Amino acid sequence: DEHNKGYTKPVKYFLDYVDDDKHFLLDGKWHIFNQNYIEFLKKQIDERITLEVPDINFSNSAFTQWRNSLPDEEKTAHGYAEYYFNTLRGNDGYKNLDREIETLQQQYKIEKLDLYKDSTAFFVKIGTPQKLGYAIDQASATIKILQSQTSTIQIDRQDIKPQSICLWFVFERQTEITKISEIKSLIFLMKL
């Protein structure tokens, strides 16, 4: 995983590839699609998933300035964009749970969520659609754990039961999107 915690998977599971003949690689398997499928997928996403644009902007220059002010050992442990973003959200009343790793069944390590506020579990990712897929996987894993009741989420030793899930994406783009289907990554859209 991105935090070098020992989780590995073959590179084919992380590739976002579509060729001119409409073949694509998803979770290490080849598939084919047509334009009707893409239109159907976009319509379903736009109808079922609400896009909210919070009044919060991420500044790369402010992040770089903050990162440069950290001691070297802190840069290694916490000098990444999501940590900075989540720390700022902590000042807005969110509970920051970034990098709180839990071991399940004595062998699986999982970060159940990044932020929590008002009965909502937030999964934060900054970057390109290929990187943002990780937050979708993280949210899916947490939902499965909560549904199966194999584990709980605790904050300050109290069990919490999120009523909502929010994928909070900070895109590296020049223009704002008005709907999620504008994201030009078939793999990302399919994960949703």
Protein backbone atom coordinates (compact mmCIF):
# COMPACT_ATOMS: atom_id res chain seq x y z
CA ASP A 1 0.00 0.00 0.00
CA GLU A 2 1.02 3.64 -0.16
CA HIS A 3 2.25 3.65 3.44
CA ASN A 4 4.64 0.71 2.92
CA LYS A 5 2.90 -1.46 5.49
CA GLY A 6 3.67 -4.74 3.74
CA TYR A 7 0.54 -5.18 1.63
CA THR A 8 1.41 -6.32 -1.87
CA LYS A 9 -0.48 -7.18 -5.02
CA PRO A 10 0.71 -7.67 -8.60
CA VAL A 11 0.99 -4.41 -10.56
CA LYS A 12 -1.78 -5.50 -12.97
CA TYR A 13 -4.31 -4.82 -10.18
CA PHE A 14 -3.34 -1.15 -10.07
CA LEU A 15 -3.17 -0.36 -13.77
CA ASP A 16 -5.85 1.78 -15.37
CA TYR A 17 -5.60 0.83 -19.02
CA VAL A 18 -7.99 1.15 -21.95
CA ASP A 19 -6.89 0.58 -25.54
CA ASP A 20 -8.34 1.82 -28.85
CA ASP A 21 -10.26 -1.43 -29.36
CA LYS A 22 -12.19 -0.84 -26.09
CA HIS A 23 -10.40 -3.47 -24.04
CA PHE A 24 -9.63 -2.63 -20.45
CA LEU A 25 -7.81 -4.19 -17.54
CA LEU A 26 -9.78 -4.38 -14.27
CA ASP A 27 -8.44 -6.15 -11.18
CA GLY A 28 -5.96 -8.04 -13.32
CA LYS A 29 -8.51 -9.34 -15.86
CA TRP A 30 -9.17 -8.17 -19.41
CA HIS A 31 -12.66 -6.99 -20.38
CA ILE A 32 -14.28 -5.34 -23.39
CA PHE A 33 -16.92 -2.63 -23.43
CA ASN A 34 -18.97 -0.61 -25.85
CA GLN A 35 -20.26 2.98 -25.89
CA ASN A 36 -23.71 1.95 -24.63
CA TYR A 37 -22.14 0.47 -21.52
CA ILE A 38 -20.15 3.65 -20.85
CA GLU A 39 -23.25 5.84 -21.21
CA PHE A 40 -25.22 3.51 -18.91
CA LEU A 41 -22.42 3.59 -16.32
CA LYS A 42 -22.18 7.39 -16.40
CA LYS A 43 -25.95 7.78 -16.08
CA GLN A 44 -26.11 5.39 -13.11
CA ILE A 45 -23.28 7.19 -11.34
CA ASP A 46 -24.76 10.64 -11.85
CA GLU A 47 -28.20 9.49 -10.66
CA ARG A 48 -26.99 7.59 -7.60
CA ILE A 49 -23.99 9.51 -6.31
CA THR A 50 -24.24 13.07 -5.09
CA LEU A 51 -21.38 15.38 -5.94
CA GLU A 52 -20.82 17.98 -3.25
CA VAL A 53 -18.21 20.68 -3.59
CA PRO A 54 -17.27 21.84 -0.10
CA ASP A 55 -16.03 25.36 0.45
CA ILE A 56 -12.53 24.01 1.11
CA ASN A 57 -9.65 24.34 -1.30
CA PHE A 58 -6.44 22.34 -1.13
CA SER A 59 -3.37 24.45 -1.77
CA ASN A 60 -0.26 22.66 -3.02
CA SER A 61 1.87 25.68 -2.10
CA ALA A 62 0.50 25.76 1.49
CA PHE A 63 1.07 22.00 1.74
CA THR A 64 4.65 22.32 0.47
CA GLN A 65 5.35 25.14 2.92
CA TRP A 66 3.90 23.08 5.79
CA ARG A 67 5.87 19.98 4.73
CA ASN A 68 9.11 21.94 4.46
CA SER A 69 8.63 23.17 8.03
CA LEU A 70 8.54 19.61 9.41
CA PRO A 71 11.60 17.96 10.94
CA ASP A 72 13.05 15.24 8.68
CA GLU A 73 11.66 12.33 10.74
CA GLU A 74 8.18 13.91 10.62
CA LYS A 75 8.41 14.36 6.84
CA THR A 76 8.92 10.64 6.48
CA ALA A 77 6.03 9.68 8.77
CA HIS A 78 3.50 12.44 8.12
CA GLY A 79 4.72 14.57 5.23
CA TYR A 80 2.08 13.50 2.73
CA ALA A 81 -0.86 15.47 1.35
CA GLU A 82 -3.71 13.49 2.93
CA TYR A 83 -2.20 13.82 6.41
CA TYR A 84 -1.96 17.59 5.97
CA PHE A 85 -5.52 17.79 4.64
CA ASN A 86 -6.92 15.59 7.44
CA THR A 87 -5.04 17.59 10.07
CA LEU A 88 -6.67 20.77 8.78
CA ARG A 89 -10.08 19.07 8.91
CA GLY A 90 -9.38 18.22 12.55
CA ASN A 91 -9.42 21.98 13.16
CA ASP A 92 -12.94 22.01 11.63
CA GLY A 93 -14.34 19.51 14.12
CA TYR A 94 -13.61 16.28 12.23
CA LYS A 95 -12.05 13.42 14.16
CA ASN A 96 -8.81 12.60 12.36
CA LEU A 97 -8.25 8.82 12.19
CA ASP A 98 -5.71 8.87 9.37
CA ARG A 99 -3.21 6.01 9.69
CA GLU A 100 -4.95 4.43 12.65
CA ILE A 101 -4.32 0.88 11.54
CA GLU A 102 -6.15 -2.07 13.06
CA THR A 103 -5.30 -5.75 12.71
CA LEU A 104 -8.23 -8.06 11.93
CA GLN A 105 -8.17 -11.79 12.53
CA GLN A 106 -4.56 -11.41 13.68
CA GLN A 107 -3.30 -10.99 10.13
CA TYR A 108 -5.03 -8.27 8.08
CA LYS A 109 -4.15 -4.63 8.56
CA ILE A 110 -6.81 -2.09 7.69
CA GLU A 111 -7.27 1.63 7.99
CA LYS A 112 -11.03 1.79 8.54
CA LEU A 113 -11.52 5.48 7.73
CA ASP A 114 -9.74 8.81 7.56
CA LEU A 115 -12.14 11.28 9.16
CA TYR A 116 -15.36 11.09 11.16
CA LYS A 117 -17.98 13.76 11.85
CA ASP A 118 -21.75 13.86 12.35
CA SER A 119 -22.17 10.06 11.96
CA THR A 120 -20.35 10.14 8.61
CA ALA A 121 -17.21 8.15 7.80
CA PHE A 122 -14.95 10.01 5.38
CA PHE A 123 -12.37 8.42 3.08
CA VAL A 124 -9.92 11.00 1.77
CA LYS A 125 -7.64 10.77 -1.23
CA ILE A 126 -5.74 13.40 -3.18
CA GLY A 127 -4.51 12.85 -6.70
CA THR A 128 -5.42 11.34 -10.03
CA PRO A 129 -8.38 8.97 -10.58
CA GLN A 130 -5.98 6.03 -10.58
CA LYS A 131 -4.89 6.90 -7.02
CA LEU A 132 -8.42 7.75 -5.89
CA GLY A 133 -9.55 4.17 -6.47
CA TYR A 134 -7.73 3.24 -3.26
CA ALA A 135 -10.25 5.28 -1.21
CA ILE A 136 -13.11 3.41 -2.90
CA ASP A 137 -11.48 0.09 -1.96
CA GLN A 138 -10.93 1.31 1.60
CA ALA A 139 -14.58 2.40 1.95
CA SER A 140 -15.81 -0.91 0.48
CA ALA A 141 -13.70 -2.90 2.93
CA THR A 142 -15.01 -0.88 5.88
CA ILE A 143 -18.62 -1.30 4.75
CA LYS A 144 -18.12 -5.07 4.45
CA ILE A 145 -16.59 -5.23 7.92
CA LEU A 146 -19.46 -3.26 9.44
CA GLN A 147 -22.09 -5.30 7.59
CA SER A 148 -20.56 -8.61 8.66
CA GLN A 149 -20.16 -7.35 12.22
CA THR A 150 -16.70 -8.95 12.41
CA SER A 151 -15.30 -5.75 13.87
CA THR A 152 -16.33 -2.33 15.07
CA ILE A 153 -14.97 1.15 14.64
CA GLN A 154 -13.95 2.84 17.85
CA ILE A 155 -13.18 6.44 18.58
CA ASP A 156 -11.89 7.16 22.06
CA ARG A 157 -12.84 3.59 23.06
CA GLN A 158 -16.47 4.11 22.03
CA ASP A 159 -18.07 2.07 19.25
CA ILE A 160 -19.40 4.24 16.45
CA LYS A 161 -21.88 3.30 13.77
CA PRO A 162 -21.57 5.53 10.73
CA GLN A 163 -24.88 6.33 9.06
CA SER A 164 -23.25 7.72 5.91
CA ILE A 165 -20.13 7.18 3.86
CA CYS A 166 -18.38 10.02 2.05
CA LEU A 167 -15.60 9.67 -0.48
CA TRP A 168 -13.73 12.97 -0.23
CA PHE A 169 -11.58 13.41 -3.31
CA VAL A 170 -9.22 16.24 -4.03
CA PHE A 171 -8.53 16.11 -7.76
CA GLU A 172 -5.35 17.21 -9.46
CA ARG A 173 -7.05 19.04 -12.33
CA GLN A 174 -7.20 22.45 -13.94
CA THR A 175 -11.00 22.76 -14.00
CA GLU A 176 -13.75 21.87 -11.55
CA ILE A 177 -16.07 19.00 -12.35
CA THR A 178 -19.83 19.41 -12.23
CA LYS A 179 -20.67 15.71 -12.11
CA ILE A 180 -18.69 12.60 -11.26
CA SER A 181 -19.10 11.08 -14.72
CA GLU A 182 -16.78 13.79 -16.08
CA ILE A 183 -13.84 11.91 -14.58
CA LYS A 184 -11.99 10.36 -17.50
CA SER A 185 -11.13 6.98 -15.97
CA LEU A 186 -13.28 3.99 -16.81
CA ILE A 187 -11.75 1.91 -14.01
CA PHE A 188 -12.48 4.64 -11.45
CA LEU A 189 -16.09 4.94 -12.62
CA MET A 190 -16.55 1.16 -12.55
CA LYS A 191 -15.23 0.97 -8.98
CA LEU A 192 -17.90 3.45 -7.93
